[in-house]
Amino acid sequence: MLIILTIFAVLLATAIVIFAKRRSAYLLEENKPKILLPVSEFRPLFEPGPEELRAAEREEKAKIASEQSEESKREHQQRLAGLDEFRKSWRAEPSRKNTIELLYLASQCESGKIYRETAHEAAKLWKNGQIRGLSADDLSQLLESHLWLLPAGERTSGVSFSIQHEIADLRAGSEENK
């Protein structure tokens, strides 16, 4: 008799466990929690770690650097456009004042190649006698002083040599005229 009671108790316990599991599963399906906020608006449960903070800082710095780079490119393009426009008007009527302004604008473009081309053009027009009111010494001093306005990285040996060669030609021509 004891065996029958034990079997009956085990079957009853098993039935209660199965019934309880089904009931809890049914209650969970029936009462699902509702999400009131979109997932993107949840805040993290824990504070970000040091690695996450460094990664966020690197992303922010990269974004700022990218914006600054874009801004500097736009400014450079504007300076080049301004130089080209001024160069057209300068070619029409070169004078001392316009030549000084042209060399300044060329140096502000921060490009050794552009400055070298502008300096050669100014020297060529001066040699042809088209620039009024500007002596060879003045032009050579202008070329040299505006060369130093270029950034150090743009004053390469090629650019410096070419400008110094123009200056030497102007000074040699000046001494011949004396």
C-alpha atoms as a PDB file:
ATOM      1  CA  MET A   1       0.000   0.000   0.000  1.00  0.00           C
ATOM      2  CA  LEU A   2       2.828   2.353   0.722  1.00  0.00           C
ATOM      3  CA  ILE A   3       4.139   1.895  -2.801  1.00  0.00           C
ATOM      4  CA  ILE A   4       0.782   2.894  -4.281  1.00  0.00           C
ATOM      5  CA  LEU A   5       0.614   6.003  -2.103  1.00  0.00           C
ATOM      6  CA  THR A   6       4.151   6.972  -3.118  1.00  0.00           C
ATOM      7  CA  ILE A   7       3.370   6.531  -6.817  1.00  0.00           C
ATOM      8  CA  PHE A   8       0.152   8.509  -6.391  1.00  0.00           C
ATOM      9  CA  ALA A   9       2.053  11.372  -4.598  1.00  0.00           C
ATOM     10  CA  VAL A  10       4.726  11.487  -7.325  1.00  0.00           C
ATOM     11  CA  LEU A  11       2.056  11.615 -10.068  1.00  0.00           C
ATOM     12  CA  LEU A  12       0.164  14.342  -8.209  1.00  0.00           C
ATOM     13  CA  ALA A  13       3.344  16.407  -7.735  1.00  0.00           C
ATOM     14  CA  THR A  14       4.216  15.994 -11.415  1.00  0.00           C
ATOM     15  CA  ALA A  15       0.732  17.109 -12.447  1.00  0.00           C
ATOM     16  CA  ILE A  16       0.927  20.186 -10.200  1.00  0.00           C
ATOM     17  CA  VAL A  17       4.339  21.165 -11.630  1.00  0.00           C
ATOM     18  CA  ILE A  18       3.094  20.778 -15.236  1.00  0.00           C
ATOM     19  CA  PHE A  19      -0.042  22.778 -14.481  1.00  0.00           C
ATOM     20  CA  ALA A  20       1.972  25.552 -12.796  1.00  0.00           C
ATOM     21  CA  LYS A  21       4.376  25.818 -15.749  1.00  0.00           C
ATOM     22  CA  ARG A  22       1.532  26.043 -18.259  1.00  0.00           C
ATOM     23  CA  ARG A  23      -0.257  28.636 -16.175  1.00  0.00           C
ATOM     24  CA  SER A  24       2.843  30.881 -15.826  1.00  0.00           C
ATOM     25  CA  ALA A  25       3.569  30.612 -19.578  1.00  0.00           C
ATOM     26  CA  TYR A  26      -0.029  31.579 -20.333  1.00  0.00           C
ATOM     27  CA  LEU A  27       0.142  34.588 -18.000  1.00  0.00           C
ATOM     28  CA  LEU A  28       3.394  35.801 -19.578  1.00  0.00           C
ATOM     29  CA  GLU A  29       1.960  35.612 -23.087  1.00  0.00           C
ATOM     30  CA  GLU A  30      -1.222  37.365 -22.021  1.00  0.00           C
ATOM     31  CA  ASN A  31       0.451  40.275 -20.183  1.00  0.00           C
ATOM     32  CA  LYS A  32       3.416  41.248 -22.350  1.00  0.00           C
ATOM     33  CA  PRO A  33       5.133  44.450 -21.188  1.00  0.00           C
ATOM     34  CA  LYS A  34       4.497  47.445 -23.436  1.00  0.00           C
ATOM     35  CA  ILE A  35       7.465  49.564 -24.540  1.00  0.00           C
ATOM     36  CA  LEU A  36       6.446  53.189 -24.232  1.00  0.00           C
ATOM     37  CA  LEU A  37       9.653  54.762 -25.535  1.00  0.00           C
ATOM     38  CA  PRO A  38      11.480  53.989 -28.764  1.00  0.00           C
ATOM     39  CA  VAL A  39      14.549  51.867 -28.217  1.00  0.00           C
ATOM     40  CA  SER A  40      16.879  54.719 -29.231  1.00  0.00           C
ATOM     41  CA  GLU A  41      15.748  56.817 -26.258  1.00  0.00           C
ATOM     42  CA  PHE A  42      16.742  54.313 -23.589  1.00  0.00           C
ATOM     43  CA  ARG A  43      19.698  55.331 -21.513  1.00  0.00           C
ATOM     44  CA  PRO A  44      22.367  52.791 -20.632  1.00  0.00           C
ATOM     45  CA  LEU A  45      21.985  50.964 -17.365  1.00  0.00           C
ATOM     46  CA  PHE A  46      25.640  51.449 -16.429  1.00  0.00           C
ATOM     47  CA  GLU A  47      28.068  54.328 -16.955  1.00  0.00           C
ATOM     48  CA  PRO A  48      30.269  54.047 -20.024  1.00  0.00           C
ATOM     49  CA  GLY A  49      33.693  52.619 -19.411  1.00  0.00           C
ATOM     50  CA  PRO A  50      36.997  54.389 -20.053  1.00  0.00           C
ATOM     51  CA  GLU A  51      37.431  52.732 -23.441  1.00  0.00           C
ATOM     52  CA  GLU A  52      33.963  53.821 -24.543  1.00  0.00           C
ATOM     53  CA  LEU A  53      34.669  57.385 -23.382  1.00  0.00           C
ATOM     54  CA  ARG A  54      37.953  57.463 -25.331  1.00  0.00           C
ATOM     55  CA  ALA A  55      36.209  56.101 -28.430  1.00  0.00           C
ATOM     56  CA  ALA A  56      33.521  58.791 -28.186  1.00  0.00           C
ATOM     57  CA  GLU A  57      36.204  61.456 -27.732  1.00  0.00           C
ATOM     58  CA  ARG A  58      38.123  60.183 -30.788  1.00  0.00           C
ATOM     59  CA  GLU A  59      34.943  60.270 -32.882  1.00  0.00           C
ATOM     60  CA  GLU A  60      34.242  63.841 -31.783  1.00  0.00           C
ATOM     61  CA  LYS A  61      37.799  64.940 -32.591  1.00  0.00           C
ATOM     62  CA  ALA A  62      37.622  63.269 -36.004  1.00  0.00           C
ATOM     63  CA  LYS A  63      34.339  65.049 -36.725  1.00  0.00           C
ATOM     64  CA  ILE A  64      35.781  68.436 -35.720  1.00  0.00           C
ATOM     65  CA  ALA A  65      38.932  67.830 -37.784  1.00  0.00           C
ATOM     66  CA  SER A  66      36.818  66.908 -40.790  1.00  0.00           C
ATOM     67  CA  GLU A  67      34.742  70.085 -40.452  1.00  0.00           C
ATOM     68  CA  GLN A  68      37.886  72.214 -40.127  1.00  0.00           C
ATOM     69  CA  SER A  69      39.405  70.553 -43.163  1.00  0.00           C
ATOM     70  CA  GLU A  70      36.296  71.248 -45.223  1.00  0.00           C
ATOM     71  CA  GLU A  71      36.281  74.873 -44.064  1.00  0.00           C
ATOM     72  CA  SER A  72      39.942  75.359 -44.943  1.00  0.00           C
ATOM     73  CA  LYS A  73      39.369  73.823 -48.385  1.00  0.00           C
ATOM     74  CA  ARG A  74      36.494  76.245 -49.007  1.00  0.00           C
ATOM     75  CA  GLU A  75      38.612  79.201 -47.880  1.00  0.00           C
ATOM     76  CA  HIS A  76      41.478  78.074 -50.109  1.00  0.00           C
ATOM     77  CA  GLN A  77      39.156  77.817 -53.098  1.00  0.00           C
ATOM     78  CA  GLN A  78      37.815  81.316 -52.363  1.00  0.00           C
ATOM     79  CA  ARG A  79      41.355  82.734 -52.162  1.00  0.00           C
ATOM     80  CA  LEU A  80      42.263  81.076 -55.479  1.00  0.00           C
ATOM     81  CA  ALA A  81      39.139  82.459 -57.120  1.00  0.00           C
ATOM     82  CA  GLY A  82      39.888  85.935 -55.740  1.00  0.00           C
ATOM     83  CA  LEU A  83      43.476  85.728 -56.999  1.00  0.00           C
ATOM     84  CA  ASP A  84      42.382  84.664 -60.493  1.00  0.00           C
ATOM     85  CA  GLU A  85      39.852  87.473 -60.661  1.00  0.00           C
ATOM     86  CA  PHE A  86      42.384  90.052 -59.452  1.00  0.00           C
ATOM     87  CA  ARG A  87      45.038  88.709 -61.822  1.00  0.00           C
ATOM     88  CA  LYS A  88      42.725  89.348 -64.791  1.00  0.00           C
ATOM     89  CA  SER A  89      42.226  92.972 -63.804  1.00  0.00           C
ATOM     90  CA  TRP A  90      45.951  93.343 -63.042  1.00  0.00           C
ATOM     91  CA  ARG A  91      46.911  92.115 -66.514  1.00  0.00           C
ATOM     92  CA  ALA A  92      44.666  94.759 -68.049  1.00  0.00           C
ATOM     93  CA  GLU A  93      46.379  97.591 -66.177  1.00  0.00           C
ATOM     94  CA  PRO A  94      49.443  96.618 -64.124  1.00  0.00           C
ATOM     95  CA  SER A  95      50.752  99.253 -61.736  1.00  0.00           C
ATOM     96  CA  ARG A  96      52.860  99.446 -58.596  1.00  0.00           C
ATOM     97  CA  LYS A  97      49.883  99.247 -56.256  1.00  0.00           C
ATOM     98  CA  ASN A  98      48.212  96.395 -58.178  1.00  0.00           C
ATOM     99  CA  THR A  99      51.459  94.428 -58.298  1.00  0.00           C
ATOM    100  CA  ILE A 100      51.914  94.707 -54.544  1.00  0.00           C
ATOM    101  CA  GLU A 101      48.331  93.535 -54.016  1.00  0.00           C
ATOM    102  CA  LEU A 102      48.767  90.692 -56.515  1.00  0.00           C
ATOM    103  CA  LEU A 103      51.895  89.371 -54.804  1.00  0.00           C
ATOM    104  CA  TYR A 104      50.176  89.594 -51.422  1.00  0.00           C
ATOM    105  CA  LEU A 105      47.145  87.658 -52.668  1.00  0.00           C
ATOM    106  CA  ALA A 106      49.415  85.040 -54.242  1.00  0.00           C
ATOM    107  CA  SER A 107      51.283  84.576 -50.956  1.00  0.00           C
ATOM    108  CA  GLN A 108      47.978  84.250 -49.068  1.00  0.00           C
ATOM    109  CA  CYS A 109      47.006  81.281 -51.259  1.00  0.00           C
ATOM    110  CA  GLU A 110      49.681  79.368 -49.312  1.00  0.00           C
ATOM    111  CA  SER A 111      50.969  77.607 -52.405  1.00  0.00           C
ATOM    112  CA  GLY A 112      54.559  77.904 -53.519  1.00  0.00           C
ATOM    113  CA  LYS A 113      53.657  76.932 -57.066  1.00  0.00           C
ATOM    114  CA  ILE A 114      51.029  79.662 -57.390  1.00  0.00           C
ATOM    115  CA  TYR A 115      53.346  82.275 -55.878  1.00  0.00           C
ATOM    116  CA  ARG A 116      56.195  81.255 -58.196  1.00  0.00           C
ATOM    117  CA  GLU A 117      53.948  81.546 -61.274  1.00  0.00           C
ATOM    118  CA  THR A 118      52.664  84.937 -60.146  1.00  0.00           C
ATOM    119  CA  ALA A 119      56.193  86.197 -59.414  1.00  0.00           C
ATOM    120  CA  HIS A 120      57.414  85.060 -62.848  1.00  0.00           C
ATOM    121  CA  GLU A 121      54.495  86.774 -64.513  1.00  0.00           C
ATOM    122  CA  ALA A 122      55.118  90.014 -62.594  1.00  0.00           C
ATOM    123  CA  ALA A 123      58.835  89.941 -63.463  1.00  0.00           C
ATOM    124  CA  LYS A 124      58.043  89.246 -67.114  1.00  0.00           C
ATOM    125  CA  LEU A 125      55.640  92.180 -67.345  1.00  0.00           C
ATOM    126  CA  TRP A 126      58.154  94.436 -65.581  1.00  0.00           C
ATOM    127  CA  LYS A 127      60.886  93.404 -68.035  1.00  0.00           C
ATOM    128  CA  ASN A 128      58.532  94.267 -70.899  1.00  0.00           C
ATOM    129  CA  GLY A 129      58.055  97.718 -69.343  1.00  0.00           C
ATOM    130  CA  GLN A 130      54.357  97.275 -68.638  1.00  0.00           C
ATOM    131  CA  ILE A 131      54.445  97.945 -64.877  1.00  0.00           C
ATOM    132  CA  ARG A 132      54.654 101.673 -64.238  1.00  0.00           C
ATOM    133  CA  GLY A 133      56.091 103.221 -61.097  1.00  0.00           C
ATOM    134  CA  LEU A 134      58.034 100.178 -59.950  1.00  0.00           C
ATOM    135  CA  SER A 135      61.831  99.914 -60.025  1.00  0.00           C
ATOM    136  CA  ALA A 136      63.796  96.687 -60.292  1.00  0.00           C
ATOM    137  CA  ASP A 137      64.958  97.029 -56.681  1.00  0.00           C
ATOM    138  CA  ASP A 138      61.402  97.559 -55.479  1.00  0.00           C
ATOM    139  CA  LEU A 139      60.128  94.539 -57.367  1.00  0.00           C
ATOM    140  CA  SER A 140      62.978  92.336 -56.140  1.00  0.00           C
ATOM    141  CA  GLN A 141      62.295  93.407 -52.537  1.00  0.00           C
ATOM    142  CA  LEU A 142      58.592  92.740 -53.008  1.00  0.00           C
ATOM    143  CA  LEU A 143      59.253  89.269 -54.399  1.00  0.00           C
ATOM    144  CA  GLU A 144      61.571  88.402 -51.542  1.00  0.00           C
ATOM    145  CA  SER A 145      59.408  89.802 -48.739  1.00  0.00           C
ATOM    146  CA  HIS A 146      56.246  88.144 -50.022  1.00  0.00           C
ATOM    147  CA  LEU A 147      58.129  84.865 -50.383  1.00  0.00           C
ATOM    148  CA  TRP A 148      58.538  84.879 -46.601  1.00  0.00           C
ATOM    149  CA  LEU A 149      54.770  85.166 -46.168  1.00  0.00           C
ATOM    150  CA  LEU A 150      54.388  81.658 -47.558  1.00  0.00           C
ATOM    151  CA  PRO A 151      54.130  78.812 -45.025  1.00  0.00           C
ATOM    152  CA  ALA A 152      57.476  77.159 -44.292  1.00  0.00           C
ATOM    153  CA  GLY A 153      56.378  73.926 -45.995  1.00  0.00           C
ATOM    154  CA  GLU A 154      55.692  75.782 -49.242  1.00  0.00           C
ATOM    155  CA  ARG A 155      59.042  77.563 -49.360  1.00  0.00           C
ATOM    156  CA  THR A 156      60.688  74.510 -50.845  1.00  0.00           C
ATOM    157  CA  SER A 157      64.110  74.630 -52.388  1.00  0.00           C
ATOM    158  CA  GLY A 158      62.629  74.679 -55.891  1.00  0.00           C
ATOM    159  CA  VAL A 159      60.326  77.602 -55.206  1.00  0.00           C
ATOM    160  CA  SER A 160      62.987  79.539 -53.309  1.00  0.00           C
ATOM    161  CA  PHE A 161      65.596  78.918 -56.001  1.00  0.00           C
ATOM    162  CA  SER A 162      63.266  80.048 -58.755  1.00  0.00           C
ATOM    163  CA  ILE A 163      62.277  83.241 -56.912  1.00  0.00           C
ATOM    164  CA  GLN A 164      65.881  83.978 -55.946  1.00  0.00           C
ATOM    165  CA  HIS A 165      66.859  83.547 -59.592  1.00  0.00           C
ATOM    166  CA  GLU A 166      64.209  86.119 -60.621  1.00  0.00           C
ATOM    167  CA  ILE A 167      65.449  88.482 -57.905  1.00  0.00           C
ATOM    168  CA  ALA A 168      69.050  88.096 -59.080  1.00  0.00           C
ATOM    169  CA  ASP A 169      67.995  88.841 -62.672  1.00  0.00           C
ATOM    170  CA  LEU A 170      66.112  91.956 -61.537  1.00  0.00           C
ATOM    171  CA  ARG A 171      69.046  93.200 -59.449  1.00  0.00           C
ATOM    172  CA  ALA A 172      71.510  92.503 -62.265  1.00  0.00           C
ATOM    173  CA  GLY A 173      69.292  94.483 -64.651  1.00  0.00           C
ATOM    174  CA  SER A 174      69.065  97.269 -62.111  1.00  0.00           C
ATOM    175  CA  GLU A 175      72.850  97.516 -61.796  1.00  0.00           C
ATOM    176  CA  GLU A 176      73.254  97.578 -65.573  1.00  0.00           C
ATOM    177  CA  ASN A 177      70.864 100.543 -65.837  1.00  0.00           C
ATOM    178  CA  LYS A 178      72.837 102.568 -63.267  1.00  0.00           C
END
